[in-house]
């Protein structure tokens, strides 16, 4: 299943590309081709940075998908401070050169969100989203921005529903995504793995047998 239709360029980048294209044309008209080459090079760099690859969402209802393209920094047991429970945290690092589209790891309802931007914690800005499925499986997705990388856009709000692999935002520069899944979840990745947003599986919910 495709997660973003046939869009190849993120809509967040279209204004930037339009400005660079206009500047290239104006520079070419008034200053010539050699003067416009530097702006044209910036245009093609921007095309690469704002790419939005087509996402093929796997047919796996219990799967927890990677919300971003990047590298797994760590997989570790930890205390989930938002849901006050033991959890497994998968930390994903998004570099400047990765595709920056964000996608929902599961299908469900956004039950709550928490935001902080005072710079006193691990990140200069962070937003945590609690998402619960219709079967009462849940997780927390934290979008963390490091110092100097404070620009992001997430399009889901508390009370809204989101689909598995659905595009839900864009991280403009770089950042960290933390997924807090239940401690009994089955993990499918390890440190150092390279992930594709919405296509690769981080793990799966494990349903407890009904007594």
Protein backbone atom coordinates (compact mmCIF):
# COMPACT_ATOMS: atom_id res chain seq x y z
CA UNK A 1 0.00 0.00 0.00
CA UNK A 2 1.37 3.39 -0.96
CA UNK A 3 1.71 5.88 1.89
CA UNK A 4 1.93 9.12 -0.06
CA UNK A 5 0.62 8.50 -3.56
CA UNK A 6 3.05 9.59 -6.28
CA UNK A 7 4.50 12.71 -4.64
CA UNK A 8 8.27 12.83 -5.15
CA UNK A 9 8.97 16.27 -3.64
CA UNK A 10 7.75 17.23 -0.16
CA UNK A 11 5.17 20.01 -0.30
CA UNK A 12 7.09 21.77 2.49
CA UNK A 13 9.94 22.31 0.03
CA UNK A 14 7.93 23.69 -2.89
CA UNK A 15 8.18 27.38 -1.81
CA UNK A 16 11.96 27.07 -1.44
CA UNK A 17 12.31 25.42 -4.85
CA UNK A 18 10.08 28.03 -6.48
CA UNK A 19 12.15 30.90 -5.07
CA UNK A 20 15.43 29.29 -6.19
CA UNK A 21 14.03 28.63 -9.66
CA UNK A 22 12.87 32.24 -10.05
CA UNK A 23 16.25 33.53 -8.84
CA UNK A 24 18.01 31.26 -11.33
CA UNK A 25 15.92 32.61 -14.23
CA UNK A 26 16.35 36.24 -13.19
CA UNK A 27 20.11 35.82 -12.76
CA UNK A 28 20.38 34.12 -16.14
CA UNK A 29 18.47 36.94 -17.87
CA UNK A 30 20.46 39.80 -16.35
CA UNK A 31 23.89 38.29 -15.61
CA UNK A 32 24.22 35.29 -17.91
CA UNK A 33 24.50 31.54 -17.60
CA UNK A 34 27.71 31.37 -15.55
CA UNK A 35 26.34 33.65 -12.83
CA UNK A 36 23.16 31.59 -12.60
CA UNK A 37 24.97 28.25 -12.21
CA UNK A 38 25.59 28.64 -8.47
CA UNK A 39 21.89 29.22 -7.80
CA UNK A 40 21.00 26.33 -10.10
CA UNK A 41 23.28 24.06 -8.09
CA UNK A 42 21.50 25.17 -4.89
CA UNK A 43 18.20 24.35 -6.60
CA UNK A 44 19.26 20.75 -7.29
CA UNK A 45 20.64 20.36 -3.76
CA UNK A 46 17.24 21.52 -2.45
CA UNK A 47 15.47 19.02 -4.73
CA UNK A 48 17.53 16.26 -3.09
CA UNK A 49 16.95 17.52 0.46
CA UNK A 50 13.19 17.88 -0.03
CA UNK A 51 12.71 14.54 -1.78
CA UNK A 52 9.70 12.54 -0.60
CA UNK A 53 10.12 8.94 -1.83
CA UNK A 54 7.03 6.86 -2.49
CA UNK A 55 6.41 4.66 0.56
CA UNK A 56 5.11 1.10 0.26
CA UNK A 57 3.51 0.32 3.62
CA UNK A 58 3.83 -3.40 4.50
CA UNK A 59 0.63 -5.39 5.05
CA UNK A 60 1.25 -6.15 8.73
CA UNK A 61 -1.51 -4.86 11.07
CA UNK A 62 0.46 -5.52 14.28
CA UNK A 63 3.65 -3.96 12.94
CA UNK A 64 5.24 -0.81 14.36
CA UNK A 65 6.73 1.02 11.39
CA UNK A 66 9.72 3.32 11.33
CA UNK A 67 8.38 6.90 11.44
CA UNK A 68 11.49 8.30 9.77
CA UNK A 69 14.39 7.46 7.48
CA UNK A 70 17.62 7.25 9.42
CA UNK A 71 19.91 5.05 11.48
CA UNK A 72 19.04 3.16 14.65
CA UNK A 73 21.20 4.64 17.41
CA UNK A 74 20.03 2.35 20.23
CA UNK A 75 17.49 -0.24 21.33
CA UNK A 76 17.10 -0.38 25.10
CA UNK A 77 14.69 -1.04 27.97
CA UNK A 78 13.68 2.20 29.65
CA UNK A 79 11.01 3.78 31.81
CA UNK A 80 8.32 5.48 29.71
CA UNK A 81 7.79 8.69 31.67
CA UNK A 82 4.66 9.66 29.70
CA UNK A 83 2.69 6.45 30.23
CA UNK A 84 4.43 5.52 33.50
CA UNK A 85 5.38 2.01 32.44
CA UNK A 86 8.38 -0.08 31.49
CA UNK A 87 9.05 0.12 27.77
CA UNK A 88 11.51 -0.54 24.96
CA UNK A 89 12.91 2.60 23.37
CA UNK A 90 14.16 2.60 19.78
CA UNK A 91 16.11 5.77 18.97
CA UNK A 92 16.49 6.82 15.32
CA UNK A 93 18.88 9.52 14.12
CA UNK A 94 17.82 11.52 11.05
CA UNK A 95 20.78 13.14 9.33
CA UNK A 96 20.76 16.13 6.99
CA UNK A 97 21.06 13.77 4.01
CA UNK A 98 18.20 11.41 4.92
CA UNK A 99 14.68 11.84 3.52
CA UNK A 100 12.91 13.97 6.14
CA UNK A 101 9.23 12.95 5.85
CA UNK A 102 7.64 11.71 9.08
CA UNK A 103 5.06 8.91 9.12
CA UNK A 104 2.79 7.42 11.72
CA UNK A 105 4.21 4.14 13.10
CA UNK A 106 0.77 2.65 13.76
CA UNK A 107 -2.90 3.18 12.98
CA UNK A 108 -4.91 4.66 15.80
CA UNK A 109 -5.97 7.74 17.71
CA UNK A 110 -3.67 10.40 19.15
CA UNK A 111 -4.69 10.30 22.81
CA UNK A 112 -2.45 13.11 24.04
CA UNK A 113 0.68 15.09 23.24
CA UNK A 114 3.31 16.82 25.33
CA UNK A 115 5.56 19.63 24.12
CA UNK A 116 8.60 21.34 25.59
CA UNK A 117 10.98 23.90 24.09
CA UNK A 118 12.82 25.40 27.07
CA UNK A 119 16.12 23.79 26.15
CA UNK A 120 16.71 22.43 29.67
CA UNK A 121 16.39 18.76 28.73
CA UNK A 122 18.12 16.45 26.27
CA UNK A 123 16.69 18.32 23.27
CA UNK A 124 16.24 22.01 22.53
CA UNK A 125 12.66 21.19 21.55
CA UNK A 126 10.59 18.01 21.79
CA UNK A 127 7.05 16.83 21.14
CA UNK A 128 5.77 13.45 22.34
CA UNK A 129 2.66 11.80 20.83
CA UNK A 130 0.70 9.04 22.56
CA UNK A 131 -1.02 6.89 19.91
CA UNK A 132 -3.45 4.06 20.77
CA UNK A 133 -4.86 1.46 18.37
CA UNK A 134 -8.47 0.29 18.35
CA UNK A 135 -7.22 -2.91 20.06
CA UNK A 136 -5.71 -0.88 22.94
CA UNK A 137 -2.09 -1.33 21.89
CA UNK A 138 -0.23 1.93 22.30
CA UNK A 139 3.11 3.65 22.02
CA UNK A 140 4.72 7.06 22.39
CA UNK A 141 6.54 8.73 19.50
CA UNK A 142 8.88 11.52 20.54
CA UNK A 143 10.22 13.99 17.98
CA UNK A 144 13.35 15.59 19.40
CA UNK A 145 15.25 18.48 17.86
CA UNK A 146 18.81 19.15 18.85
CA UNK A 147 20.32 22.60 19.24
CA UNK A 148 20.28 24.45 15.93
CA UNK A 149 17.72 22.07 14.38
CA UNK A 150 14.44 23.36 15.74
CA UNK A 151 12.35 23.30 12.59
CA UNK A 152 9.74 20.61 12.16
CA UNK A 153 6.10 20.26 11.22
CA UNK A 154 3.83 17.49 12.53
CA UNK A 155 0.28 17.50 11.20
CA UNK A 156 -1.50 15.35 13.79
CA UNK A 157 -3.12 16.69 16.93
CA UNK A 158 -4.61 15.23 20.07
CA UNK A 159 -7.95 13.55 19.34
CA UNK A 160 -7.21 12.92 15.65
CA UNK A 161 -6.85 9.53 13.96
CA UNK A 162 -3.84 8.55 11.91
CA UNK A 163 -3.15 5.61 9.63
CA UNK A 164 -0.27 3.16 9.70
CA UNK A 165 2.46 4.65 7.51
CA UNK A 166 0.43 7.81 6.88
CA UNK A 167 2.56 10.87 6.22
CA UNK A 168 2.21 13.14 9.26
CA UNK A 169 4.98 15.71 9.11
CA UNK A 170 8.38 16.88 7.97
CA UNK A 171 11.65 17.48 9.81
CA UNK A 172 13.47 20.24 7.95
CA UNK A 173 17.07 19.70 9.05
CA UNK A 174 17.90 16.78 11.33
CA UNK A 175 16.78 15.30 14.60
CA UNK A 176 16.02 12.30 16.76
CA UNK A 177 12.89 10.13 16.83
CA UNK A 178 12.24 7.94 19.89
CA UNK A 179 9.65 5.17 19.80
CA UNK A 180 8.54 3.88 23.21
CA UNK A 181 6.79 0.54 22.68
CA UNK A 182 5.42 -1.90 25.29
CA UNK A 183 8.11 -3.97 27.02
CA UNK A 184 6.62 -7.20 25.63
CA UNK A 185 6.76 -5.98 22.01
CA UNK A 186 8.80 -8.04 19.55
CA UNK A 187 11.74 -5.93 18.29
CA UNK A 188 12.88 -6.39 14.67
CA UNK A 189 15.83 -3.95 14.45
CA UNK A 190 19.19 -3.50 16.08
CA UNK A 191 21.73 -0.72 16.56
CA UNK A 192 23.23 0.51 13.29
CA UNK A 193 20.35 -0.54 11.04
CA UNK A 194 19.42 1.94 8.30
CA UNK A 195 15.66 2.51 8.01
CA UNK A 196 13.20 3.84 5.46
CA UNK A 197 10.26 5.90 6.70
CA UNK A 198 6.95 4.01 6.69
CA UNK A 199 8.38 0.94 4.95
CA UNK A 200 10.64 -0.78 7.49
CA UNK A 201 9.31 -2.53 10.58
CA UNK A 202 10.70 -1.66 14.02
CA UNK A 203 8.79 -4.39 15.81
CA UNK A 204 5.36 -5.88 16.46
CA UNK A 205 2.79 -5.72 19.23
CA UNK A 206 2.36 -9.01 21.07
CA UNK A 207 -1.21 -9.81 22.06
CA UNK A 208 -1.58 -11.48 25.43
CA UNK A 209 -3.73 -14.67 25.36
CA UNK A 210 -7.29 -14.24 26.60
CA UNK A 211 -7.80 -16.24 29.79
